[in-house]
Amino acid sequence: MKLICLTFLLSLNLMVNAQNNFKATQIKFERVEKAYNEKWETLRKFVQADGFGDRFSMLINAYKSEGKLEVWLKADADKDYKLFRTYDFCAHSGTLGPKVIEGDGQTPEGFYYINVFNPMSNFHLSLGINYPNTVDNARTGKDRKPGGDIYIHGNCVTVGCIPLTDEKIKEIYVLAVEARNTGQEKIPVNIYPFKMTNINMKKYITQFPAQANFWKSLQAGYLAFEQHKIQPEVSEVKGIYVVK
């Protein structure tokens, strides 16, 4: 029993150290250190005032047509997310509809998560998402390349990513580092073509009828989050999303 307890405590300490080391490693980079110096004191006051405490999880919803990126947070003790900040895209690329092949200039649409923190990006700071997923690969097919390297980044230019000003990416990057540092392994990034209300669905499906089935699968996730304010459980099945 003592051996089991000691093993558990050792594993716990390793986990805590790994989490703390993530922030420590990131802040060694000049741009991240500067972002913390400029943004974290003020952001932390708002985080505390809104009741998220020192440990929180983060979720991002982005809407291509509206050009908006929402940052949602929740305290570890809470179940549901609350809207913390809304940021404007500062440039656009492509049209409505998902990314299909490499070089098409499209911003993806779907359910993703942050898988890269790049403190030395060519676009100031950047957060990469796990595009392509199995839905994207099924859409592209075996004979074409789906592309990759999709980021939320600064520098206000884009060929398929989500571009923000450098000042805004500093805030989002710092919040993402904080969430990751306290244990959130996967920060959801849900990219929608538009706010997927029934009215908007009718409007945009008329303009883009080929996207109807795909967008209906996205709408199920959008509506689930709107109702419950928790990240929906989503499966990737045969080129569409299935929300449980």
C-alpha atoms as a PDB file:
ATOM      1  CA  MET A   1       0.000   0.000   0.000  1.00  0.00           C
ATOM      2  CA  LYS A   2       2.842   2.399   0.872  1.00  0.00           C
ATOM      3  CA  LEU A   3       4.506   1.654  -2.456  1.00  0.00           C
ATOM      4  CA  ILE A   4       1.257   2.384  -4.317  1.00  0.00           C
ATOM      5  CA  CYS A   5       0.815   5.691  -2.462  1.00  0.00           C
ATOM      6  CA  LEU A   6       4.405   6.729  -3.120  1.00  0.00           C
ATOM      7  CA  THR A   7       4.049   5.858  -6.818  1.00  0.00           C
ATOM      8  CA  PHE A   8       0.854   7.907  -7.035  1.00  0.00           C
ATOM      9  CA  LEU A   9       2.458  10.918  -5.333  1.00  0.00           C
ATOM     10  CA  LEU A  10       5.490  10.703  -7.612  1.00  0.00           C
ATOM     11  CA  SER A  11       3.252  10.598 -10.694  1.00  0.00           C
ATOM     12  CA  LEU A  12       1.263  13.566  -9.385  1.00  0.00           C
ATOM     13  CA  ASN A  13       4.416  15.585  -8.769  1.00  0.00           C
ATOM     14  CA  LEU A  14       5.673  14.801 -12.269  1.00  0.00           C
ATOM     15  CA  MET A  15       2.375  15.960 -13.746  1.00  0.00           C
ATOM     16  CA  VAL A  16       2.453  19.212 -11.772  1.00  0.00           C
ATOM     17  CA  ASN A  17       6.065  19.851 -12.711  1.00  0.00           C
ATOM     18  CA  ALA A  18       5.343  19.170 -16.395  1.00  0.00           C
ATOM     19  CA  GLN A  19       2.457  21.636 -16.339  1.00  0.00           C
ATOM     20  CA  ASN A  20       4.476  24.324 -14.566  1.00  0.00           C
ATOM     21  CA  ASN A  21       7.391  23.716 -16.912  1.00  0.00           C
ATOM     22  CA  PHE A  22       5.209  24.467 -19.936  1.00  0.00           C
ATOM     23  CA  LYS A  23       4.714  28.082 -18.919  1.00  0.00           C
ATOM     24  CA  ALA A  24       8.301  28.361 -17.747  1.00  0.00           C
ATOM     25  CA  THR A  25       9.525  27.105 -21.105  1.00  0.00           C
ATOM     26  CA  GLN A  26       7.245  29.392 -23.089  1.00  0.00           C
ATOM     27  CA  ILE A  27       8.086  32.509 -21.128  1.00  0.00           C
ATOM     28  CA  LYS A  28      11.779  32.075 -21.952  1.00  0.00           C
ATOM     29  CA  PHE A  29      10.941  33.268 -25.460  1.00  0.00           C
ATOM     30  CA  GLU A  30      11.151  37.029 -25.846  1.00  0.00           C
ATOM     31  CA  ARG A  31       7.757  37.508 -27.495  1.00  0.00           C
ATOM     32  CA  VAL A  32       5.948  35.437 -24.892  1.00  0.00           C
ATOM     33  CA  GLU A  33       7.713  37.213 -22.037  1.00  0.00           C
ATOM     34  CA  LYS A  34       6.746  40.546 -23.559  1.00  0.00           C
ATOM     35  CA  ALA A  35       3.142  39.405 -23.999  1.00  0.00           C
ATOM     36  CA  TYR A  36       3.001  38.420 -20.326  1.00  0.00           C
ATOM     37  CA  ASN A  37       4.550  41.709 -19.221  1.00  0.00           C
ATOM     38  CA  GLU A  38       2.094  43.724 -21.286  1.00  0.00           C
ATOM     39  CA  LYS A  39      -1.116  41.722 -20.938  1.00  0.00           C
ATOM     40  CA  TRP A  40      -1.259  39.262 -18.065  1.00  0.00           C
ATOM     41  CA  GLU A  41      -1.635  41.644 -15.117  1.00  0.00           C
ATOM     42  CA  THR A  42      -4.759  43.231 -16.619  1.00  0.00           C
ATOM     43  CA  LEU A  43      -6.119  39.968 -18.024  1.00  0.00           C
ATOM     44  CA  ARG A  44      -5.664  38.233 -14.688  1.00  0.00           C
ATOM     45  CA  LYS A  45      -7.698  40.897 -12.907  1.00  0.00           C
ATOM     46  CA  PHE A  46     -10.590  40.340 -15.311  1.00  0.00           C
ATOM     47  CA  VAL A  47     -10.223  36.561 -15.071  1.00  0.00           C
ATOM     48  CA  GLN A  48     -10.435  36.791 -11.285  1.00  0.00           C
ATOM     49  CA  ALA A  49     -13.288  39.320 -11.353  1.00  0.00           C
ATOM     50  CA  ASP A  50     -15.316  37.050 -13.650  1.00  0.00           C
ATOM     51  CA  GLY A  51     -14.939  34.161 -11.210  1.00  0.00           C
ATOM     52  CA  PHE A  52     -12.574  31.879 -13.166  1.00  0.00           C
ATOM     53  CA  GLY A  53      -9.914  31.730 -10.449  1.00  0.00           C
ATOM     54  CA  ASP A  54      -6.300  30.686 -10.958  1.00  0.00           C
ATOM     55  CA  ARG A  55      -7.119  27.451 -12.762  1.00  0.00           C
ATOM     56  CA  PHE A  56      -9.375  27.591 -15.781  1.00  0.00           C
ATOM     57  CA  SER A  57     -10.117  25.867 -19.056  1.00  0.00           C
ATOM     58  CA  MET A  58     -10.430  27.652 -22.374  1.00  0.00           C
ATOM     59  CA  LEU A  59     -12.525  27.164 -25.515  1.00  0.00           C
ATOM     60  CA  ILE A  60     -12.478  29.103 -28.785  1.00  0.00           C
ATOM     61  CA  ASN A  61     -15.412  29.554 -31.173  1.00  0.00           C
ATOM     62  CA  ALA A  62     -14.707  31.287 -34.485  1.00  0.00           C
ATOM     63  CA  TYR A  63     -17.242  32.478 -37.076  1.00  0.00           C
ATOM     64  CA  LYS A  64     -15.978  33.121 -40.593  1.00  0.00           C
ATOM     65  CA  SER A  65     -18.853  35.215 -41.987  1.00  0.00           C
ATOM     66  CA  GLU A  66     -19.021  37.458 -38.931  1.00  0.00           C
ATOM     67  CA  GLY A  67     -15.236  37.596 -38.622  1.00  0.00           C
ATOM     68  CA  LYS A  68     -15.409  36.994 -34.870  1.00  0.00           C
ATOM     69  CA  LEU A  69     -13.345  34.862 -32.513  1.00  0.00           C
ATOM     70  CA  GLU A  70     -14.811  34.175 -29.070  1.00  0.00           C
ATOM     71  CA  VAL A  71     -12.761  33.107 -26.053  1.00  0.00           C
ATOM     72  CA  TRP A  72     -14.775  31.168 -23.480  1.00  0.00           C
ATOM     73  CA  LEU A  73     -13.421  30.244 -20.049  1.00  0.00           C
ATOM     74  CA  LYS A  74     -14.579  28.117 -17.139  1.00  0.00           C
ATOM     75  CA  ALA A  75     -13.204  27.614 -13.673  1.00  0.00           C
ATOM     76  CA  ASP A  76     -12.058  24.081 -12.885  1.00  0.00           C
ATOM     77  CA  ALA A  77     -14.912  23.692 -10.405  1.00  0.00           C
ATOM     78  CA  ASP A  78     -17.549  24.678 -12.986  1.00  0.00           C
ATOM     79  CA  LYS A  79     -19.171  22.622 -15.745  1.00  0.00           C
ATOM     80  CA  ASP A  80     -20.169  25.319 -18.200  1.00  0.00           C
ATOM     81  CA  TYR A  81     -18.158  27.913 -20.105  1.00  0.00           C
ATOM     82  CA  LYS A  82     -18.781  31.654 -19.980  1.00  0.00           C
ATOM     83  CA  LEU A  83     -17.881  34.160 -22.670  1.00  0.00           C
ATOM     84  CA  PHE A  84     -14.764  36.097 -21.676  1.00  0.00           C
ATOM     85  CA  ARG A  85     -13.677  38.050 -24.762  1.00  0.00           C
ATOM     86  CA  THR A  86     -14.630  38.539 -28.430  1.00  0.00           C
ATOM     87  CA  TYR A  87     -12.004  39.487 -30.987  1.00  0.00           C
ATOM     88  CA  ASP A  88     -12.325  40.596 -34.613  1.00  0.00           C
ATOM     89  CA  PHE A  89     -10.527  38.881 -37.481  1.00  0.00           C
ATOM     90  CA  CYS A  90      -8.358  41.533 -39.125  1.00  0.00           C
ATOM     91  CA  ALA A  91      -8.318  39.886 -42.576  1.00  0.00           C
ATOM     92  CA  HIS A  92     -10.237  37.196 -44.471  1.00  0.00           C
ATOM     93  CA  SER A  93      -9.323  34.460 -46.915  1.00  0.00           C
ATOM     94  CA  GLY A  94     -11.469  32.363 -49.219  1.00  0.00           C
ATOM     95  CA  THR A  95     -15.248  31.992 -49.023  1.00  0.00           C
ATOM     96  CA  LEU A  96     -17.735  30.103 -46.880  1.00  0.00           C
ATOM     97  CA  GLY A  97     -17.310  26.356 -46.992  1.00  0.00           C
ATOM     98  CA  PRO A  98     -14.596  24.056 -45.608  1.00  0.00           C
ATOM     99  CA  LYS A  99     -10.997  23.796 -46.718  1.00  0.00           C
ATOM    100  CA  VAL A 100     -10.705  21.055 -49.335  1.00  0.00           C
ATOM    101  CA  ILE A 101      -7.210  20.979 -50.811  1.00  0.00           C
ATOM    102  CA  GLU A 102      -3.804  22.486 -50.265  1.00  0.00           C
ATOM    103  CA  GLY A 103      -3.537  26.007 -51.630  1.00  0.00           C
ATOM    104  CA  ASP A 104      -7.256  26.755 -51.948  1.00  0.00           C
ATOM    105  CA  GLY A 105      -6.991  29.689 -49.512  1.00  0.00           C
ATOM    106  CA  GLN A 106      -9.915  28.395 -47.460  1.00  0.00           C
ATOM    107  CA  THR A 107     -10.147  28.620 -43.697  1.00  0.00           C
ATOM    108  CA  PRO A 108     -11.223  25.200 -42.355  1.00  0.00           C
ATOM    109  CA  GLU A 109     -14.609  24.574 -40.773  1.00  0.00           C
ATOM    110  CA  GLY A 110     -14.994  21.956 -38.077  1.00  0.00           C
ATOM    111  CA  PHE A 111     -14.145  20.853 -34.556  1.00  0.00           C
ATOM    112  CA  TYR A 112     -10.453  21.063 -33.729  1.00  0.00           C
ATOM    113  CA  TYR A 113      -8.074  21.721 -30.839  1.00  0.00           C
ATOM    114  CA  ILE A 114      -4.807  23.606 -30.327  1.00  0.00           C
ATOM    115  CA  ASN A 115      -1.844  21.329 -30.953  1.00  0.00           C
ATOM    116  CA  VAL A 116       0.978  23.852 -31.478  1.00  0.00           C
ATOM    117  CA  PHE A 117       2.233  26.833 -29.452  1.00  0.00           C
ATOM    118  CA  ASN A 118       4.677  28.752 -31.663  1.00  0.00           C
ATOM    119  CA  PRO A 119       6.471  31.572 -29.827  1.00  0.00           C
ATOM    120  CA  MET A 120       8.748  32.269 -32.829  1.00  0.00           C
ATOM    121  CA  SER A 121       6.141  32.461 -35.563  1.00  0.00           C
ATOM    122  CA  ASN A 122       6.632  34.469 -38.733  1.00  0.00           C
ATOM    123  CA  PHE A 123       3.290  35.992 -37.709  1.00  0.00           C
ATOM    124  CA  HIS A 124       4.389  37.205 -34.262  1.00  0.00           C
ATOM    125  CA  LEU A 125       2.751  34.481 -32.095  1.00  0.00           C
ATOM    126  CA  SER A 126       0.651  31.599 -33.337  1.00  0.00           C
ATOM    127  CA  LEU A 127      -1.531  28.758 -32.088  1.00  0.00           C
ATOM    128  CA  GLY A 128      -1.806  25.802 -34.446  1.00  0.00           C
ATOM    129  CA  ILE A 129      -4.872  23.590 -34.790  1.00  0.00           C
ATOM    130  CA  ASN A 130      -5.004  19.883 -35.650  1.00  0.00           C
ATOM    131  CA  TYR A 131      -6.153  20.337 -39.237  1.00  0.00           C
ATOM    132  CA  PRO A 132      -6.614  18.062 -41.142  1.00  0.00           C
ATOM    133  CA  ASN A 133      -8.696  15.637 -39.088  1.00  0.00           C
ATOM    134  CA  THR A 134     -10.422  12.524 -40.442  1.00  0.00           C
ATOM    135  CA  VAL A 135     -13.420  14.527 -41.706  1.00  0.00           C
ATOM    136  CA  ASP A 136     -11.098  16.798 -43.680  1.00  0.00           C
ATOM    137  CA  ASN A 137      -9.143  13.848 -45.065  1.00  0.00           C
ATOM    138  CA  ALA A 138     -12.336  12.083 -46.138  1.00  0.00           C
ATOM    139  CA  ARG A 139     -13.459  15.219 -47.993  1.00  0.00           C
ATOM    140  CA  THR A 140     -10.139  15.646 -49.776  1.00  0.00           C
ATOM    141  CA  GLY A 141      -9.782  12.034 -50.880  1.00  0.00           C
ATOM    142  CA  LYS A 142      -6.695   9.916 -51.448  1.00  0.00           C
ATOM    143  CA  ASP A 143      -5.406  11.622 -54.580  1.00  0.00           C
ATOM    144  CA  ARG A 144      -5.248  15.191 -53.247  1.00  0.00           C
ATOM    145  CA  LYS A 145      -3.441  16.888 -50.376  1.00  0.00           C
ATOM    146  CA  PRO A 146      -5.638  18.596 -47.742  1.00  0.00           C
ATOM    147  CA  GLY A 147      -2.930  21.089 -46.782  1.00  0.00           C
ATOM    148  CA  GLY A 148      -2.006  21.982 -43.228  1.00  0.00           C
ATOM    149  CA  ASP A 149      -0.313  24.582 -41.035  1.00  0.00           C
ATOM    150  CA  ILE A 150      -3.548  26.291 -39.981  1.00  0.00           C
ATOM    151  CA  TYR A 151      -3.016  28.789 -37.173  1.00  0.00           C
ATOM    152  CA  ILE A 152      -4.603  31.534 -35.146  1.00  0.00           C
ATOM    153  CA  HIS A 153      -1.885  34.160 -35.449  1.00  0.00           C
ATOM    154  CA  GLY A 154      -0.877  37.798 -35.500  1.00  0.00           C
ATOM    155  CA  ASN A 155       0.505  40.035 -38.238  1.00  0.00           C
ATOM    156  CA  CYS A 156      -2.922  40.540 -39.828  1.00  0.00           C
ATOM    157  CA  VAL A 157      -2.384  38.510 -43.040  1.00  0.00           C
ATOM    158  CA  THR A 158      -3.833  35.155 -44.080  1.00  0.00           C
ATOM    159  CA  VAL A 159      -4.110  32.476 -46.738  1.00  0.00           C
ATOM    160  CA  GLY A 160      -6.507  30.244 -44.823  1.00  0.00           C
ATOM    161  CA  CYS A 161      -5.653  30.899 -41.179  1.00  0.00           C
ATOM    162  CA  ILE A 162      -7.422  33.098 -38.610  1.00  0.00           C
ATOM    163  CA  PRO A 163      -5.526  36.399 -38.490  1.00  0.00           C
ATOM    164  CA  LEU A 164      -5.587  38.859 -35.602  1.00  0.00           C
ATOM    165  CA  THR A 165      -3.598  41.949 -34.719  1.00  0.00           C
ATOM    166  CA  ASP A 166      -0.427  41.371 -32.734  1.00  0.00           C
ATOM    167  CA  GLU A 167      -2.020  42.970 -29.662  1.00  0.00           C
ATOM    168  CA  LYS A 168      -4.930  40.536 -29.744  1.00  0.00           C
ATOM    169  CA  ILE A 169      -2.893  37.394 -30.340  1.00  0.00           C
ATOM    170  CA  LYS A 170      -0.779  38.329 -27.312  1.00  0.00           C
ATOM    171  CA  GLU A 171      -3.875  38.092 -25.098  1.00  0.00           C
ATOM    172  CA  ILE A 172      -5.148  34.841 -26.591  1.00  0.00           C
ATOM    173  CA  TYR A 173      -1.704  33.257 -26.500  1.00  0.00           C
ATOM    174  CA  VAL A 174      -1.201  34.131 -22.828  1.00  0.00           C
ATOM    175  CA  LEU A 175      -4.643  32.779 -21.902  1.00  0.00           C
ATOM    176  CA  ALA A 176      -3.925  29.567 -23.810  1.00  0.00           C
ATOM    177  CA  VAL A 177      -0.568  29.143 -22.061  1.00  0.00           C
ATOM    178  CA  GLU A 178      -2.267  29.602 -18.687  1.00  0.00           C
ATOM    179  CA  ALA A 179      -4.958  27.021 -19.511  1.00  0.00           C
ATOM    180  CA  ARG A 180      -2.397  24.543 -20.818  1.00  0.00           C
ATOM    181  CA  ASN A 181      -0.090  25.138 -17.872  1.00  0.00           C
ATOM    182  CA  THR A 182      -2.756  24.187 -15.338  1.00  0.00           C
ATOM    183  CA  GLY A 183      -3.647  20.942 -17.056  1.00  0.00           C
ATOM    184  CA  GLN A 184      -5.866  21.472 -20.105  1.00  0.00           C
ATOM    185  CA  GLU A 185      -4.265  19.166 -22.663  1.00  0.00           C
ATOM    186  CA  LYS A 186      -6.624  20.032 -25.521  1.00  0.00           C
ATOM    187  CA  ILE A 187      -8.089  23.519 -25.972  1.00  0.00           C
ATOM    188  CA  PRO A 188     -11.082  23.202 -28.325  1.00  0.00           C
ATOM    189  CA  VAL A 189     -11.205  25.412 -31.415  1.00  0.00           C
ATOM    190  CA  ASN A 190     -14.577  25.223 -33.140  1.00  0.00           C
ATOM    191  CA  ILE A 191     -14.618  26.982 -36.511  1.00  0.00           C
ATOM    192  CA  TYR A 192     -18.060  27.675 -37.976  1.00  0.00           C
ATOM    193  CA  PRO A 193     -18.924  29.255 -41.336  1.00  0.00           C
ATOM    194  CA  PHE A 194     -21.353  31.581 -39.520  1.00  0.00           C
ATOM    195  CA  LYS A 195     -23.502  31.701 -36.387  1.00  0.00           C
ATOM    196  CA  MET A 196     -25.501  28.601 -37.193  1.00  0.00           C
ATOM    197  CA  THR A 197     -29.018  29.671 -36.292  1.00  0.00           C
ATOM    198  CA  ASN A 198     -31.882  28.216 -38.321  1.00  0.00           C
ATOM    199  CA  ILE A 199     -32.365  31.570 -40.053  1.00  0.00           C
ATOM    200  CA  ASN A 200     -28.711  31.723 -41.099  1.00  0.00           C
ATOM    201  CA  MET A 201     -28.765  28.086 -42.192  1.00  0.00           C
ATOM    202  CA  LYS A 202     -31.620  28.757 -44.611  1.00  0.00           C
ATOM    203  CA  LYS A 203     -29.905  31.867 -45.914  1.00  0.00           C
ATOM    204  CA  TYR A 204     -26.478  30.366 -46.550  1.00  0.00           C
ATOM    205  CA  ILE A 205     -27.569  26.913 -47.737  1.00  0.00           C
ATOM    206  CA  THR A 206     -29.486  28.690 -50.490  1.00  0.00           C
ATOM    207  CA  GLN A 207     -26.192  30.269 -51.554  1.00  0.00           C
ATOM    208  CA  PHE A 208     -24.031  27.159 -50.982  1.00  0.00           C
ATOM    209  CA  PRO A 209     -26.330  24.125 -51.451  1.00  0.00           C
ATOM    210  CA  ALA A 210     -23.402  21.700 -51.784  1.00  0.00           C
ATOM    211  CA  GLN A 211     -22.517  22.336 -48.118  1.00  0.00           C
ATOM    212  CA  ALA A 212     -25.965  21.509 -46.705  1.00  0.00           C
ATOM    213  CA  ASN A 213     -25.222  18.077 -45.199  1.00  0.00           C
ATOM    214  CA  PHE A 214     -21.843  19.097 -43.826  1.00  0.00           C
ATOM    215  CA  TRP A 215     -23.175  22.299 -42.300  1.00  0.00           C
ATOM    216  CA  LYS A 216     -26.073  20.438 -40.680  1.00  0.00           C
ATOM    217  CA  SER A 217     -23.515  18.256 -38.887  1.00  0.00           C
ATOM    218  CA  LEU A 218     -21.695  21.389 -37.715  1.00  0.00           C
ATOM    219  CA  GLN A 219     -24.953  22.997 -36.609  1.00  0.00           C
ATOM    220  CA  ALA A 220     -25.648  20.120 -34.216  1.00  0.00           C
ATOM    221  CA  GLY A 221     -22.447  20.971 -32.331  1.00  0.00           C
ATOM    222  CA  TYR A 222     -23.156  24.693 -32.460  1.00  0.00           C
ATOM    223  CA  LEU A 223     -26.672  24.256 -31.023  1.00  0.00           C
ATOM    224  CA  ALA A 224     -25.448  21.860 -28.332  1.00  0.00           C
ATOM    225  CA  PHE A 225     -22.935  24.415 -27.129  1.00  0.00           C
ATOM    226  CA  GLU A 226     -25.458  27.256 -27.303  1.00  0.00           C
ATOM    227  CA  GLN A 227     -27.840  25.266 -25.111  1.00  0.00           C
ATOM    228  CA  HIS A 228     -25.470  23.758 -22.543  1.00  0.00           C
ATOM    229  CA  LYS A 229     -22.277  25.865 -22.759  1.00  0.00           C
ATOM    230  CA  ILE A 230     -20.090  22.755 -22.632  1.00  0.00           C
ATOM    231  CA  GLN A 231     -17.919  21.384 -25.405  1.00  0.00           C
ATOM    232  CA  PRO A 232     -20.056  18.823 -27.245  1.00  0.00           C
ATOM    233  CA  GLU A 233     -18.810  15.272 -27.629  1.00  0.00           C
ATOM    234  CA  VAL A 234     -18.184  14.940 -31.340  1.00  0.00           C
ATOM    235  CA  SER A 235     -17.270  11.923 -33.451  1.00  0.00           C
ATOM    236  CA  GLU A 236     -15.823  12.073 -36.955  1.00  0.00           C
ATOM    237  CA  VAL A 237     -17.710   9.653 -39.196  1.00  0.00           C
ATOM    238  CA  LYS A 238     -17.537   9.311 -42.988  1.00  0.00           C
ATOM    239  CA  GLY A 239     -16.793  12.927 -43.765  1.00  0.00           C
ATOM    240  CA  ILE A 240     -19.242  14.530 -41.327  1.00  0.00           C
ATOM    241  CA  TYR A 241     -19.465  15.208 -37.608  1.00  0.00           C
ATOM    242  CA  VAL A 242     -21.790  13.291 -35.315  1.00  0.00           C
ATOM    243  CA  VAL A 243     -22.698  14.981 -32.042  1.00  0.00           C
ATOM    244  CA  LYS A 244     -23.543  12.664 -29.168  1.00  0.00           C
END
